[in-house]
Amino acid sequence: MVLGEIQKSTTEIIRVSKESFKGKEYLDIRIYFINDEGEWKPTKKGVTLSPDKAEELIEILQTLKK
């Protein structure tokens, strides 16, 4: 389930999604690129976190606003 996207450039986006693997849920933050067919495809550039780490990530990101 895609939670949101940030346009990085004309050919790349950062997609934040909630994923499931082997019965466990994860938060995935990954760079996607647009291929020759016009479809968004994931790259290896990204990070996958367990949902219990989301609050820590939010706290770190909020320090940028200060």
Protein backbone atom coordinates (compact mmCIF):
# COMPACT_ATOMS: atom_id res chain seq x y z
CA MET A 1 0.00 0.00 0.00
CA VAL A 2 1.55 3.28 -1.13
CA LEU A 3 1.44 5.88 1.65
CA GLY A 4 3.00 8.74 -0.30
CA GLU A 5 5.48 9.86 -2.90
CA ILE A 6 8.02 12.67 -3.21
CA GLN A 7 9.16 13.79 -6.66
CA LYS A 8 12.98 13.60 -6.63
CA SER A 9 13.50 14.47 -10.31
CA THR A 10 11.67 14.10 -13.62
CA THR A 11 12.68 10.43 -13.74
CA GLU A 12 12.78 9.47 -10.04
CA ILE A 13 10.42 9.45 -7.07
CA ILE A 14 10.81 8.44 -3.44
CA ARG A 15 7.93 6.16 -2.55
CA VAL A 16 6.90 5.39 1.02
CA SER A 17 4.82 2.26 1.30
CA LYS A 18 3.58 -0.32 3.76
CA GLU A 19 4.64 -3.80 2.62
CA SER A 20 4.18 -7.34 3.84
CA PHE A 21 6.77 -10.14 3.64
CA LYS A 22 6.46 -13.61 5.16
CA GLY A 23 3.51 -12.49 7.25
CA LYS A 24 5.25 -9.43 8.73
CA GLU A 25 4.55 -5.80 7.87
CA TYR A 26 7.28 -3.31 6.98
CA LEU A 27 7.73 0.35 6.13
CA ASP A 28 9.58 0.68 2.81
CA ILE A 29 11.19 3.95 1.66
CA ARG A 30 12.59 3.43 -1.82
CA ILE A 31 13.67 5.32 -4.94
CA TYR A 32 11.73 4.40 -8.08
CA PHE A 33 12.67 5.22 -11.67
CA ILE A 34 10.55 5.44 -14.79
CA ASN A 35 11.45 2.79 -17.38
CA ASP A 36 11.21 2.96 -21.17
CA GLU A 37 7.59 1.76 -21.05
CA GLY A 38 6.63 4.61 -18.71
CA GLU A 39 6.25 2.38 -15.63
CA TRP A 40 7.69 3.17 -12.20
CA LYS A 41 10.15 0.47 -11.09
CA PRO A 42 11.95 0.14 -7.73
CA THR A 43 15.71 0.50 -7.39
CA LYS A 44 17.96 -1.11 -4.79
CA LYS A 45 18.33 2.33 -3.21
CA GLY A 46 16.09 2.40 -0.18
CA VAL A 47 15.48 1.18 3.31
CA THR A 48 13.00 -1.20 4.89
CA LEU A 49 12.09 -0.74 8.55
CA SER A 50 9.84 -2.55 10.97
CA PRO A 51 6.78 -0.46 11.90
CA ASP A 52 8.02 -0.04 15.49
CA LYS A 53 10.93 2.06 14.14
CA ALA A 54 8.57 4.54 12.42
CA GLU A 55 8.25 6.75 15.52
CA GLU A 56 12.04 7.03 15.82
CA LEU A 57 12.27 8.00 12.15
CA ILE A 58 9.57 10.65 12.61
CA GLU A 59 11.41 12.13 15.60
CA ILE A 60 14.66 12.33 13.62
CA LEU A 61 12.95 13.98 10.66
CA GLN A 62 11.20 16.50 12.92
CA THR A 63 14.58 17.79 14.06
CA LEU A 64 15.00 19.16 10.52
CA LYS A 65 12.05 21.49 11.09
CA LYS A 66 13.66 23.09 14.14
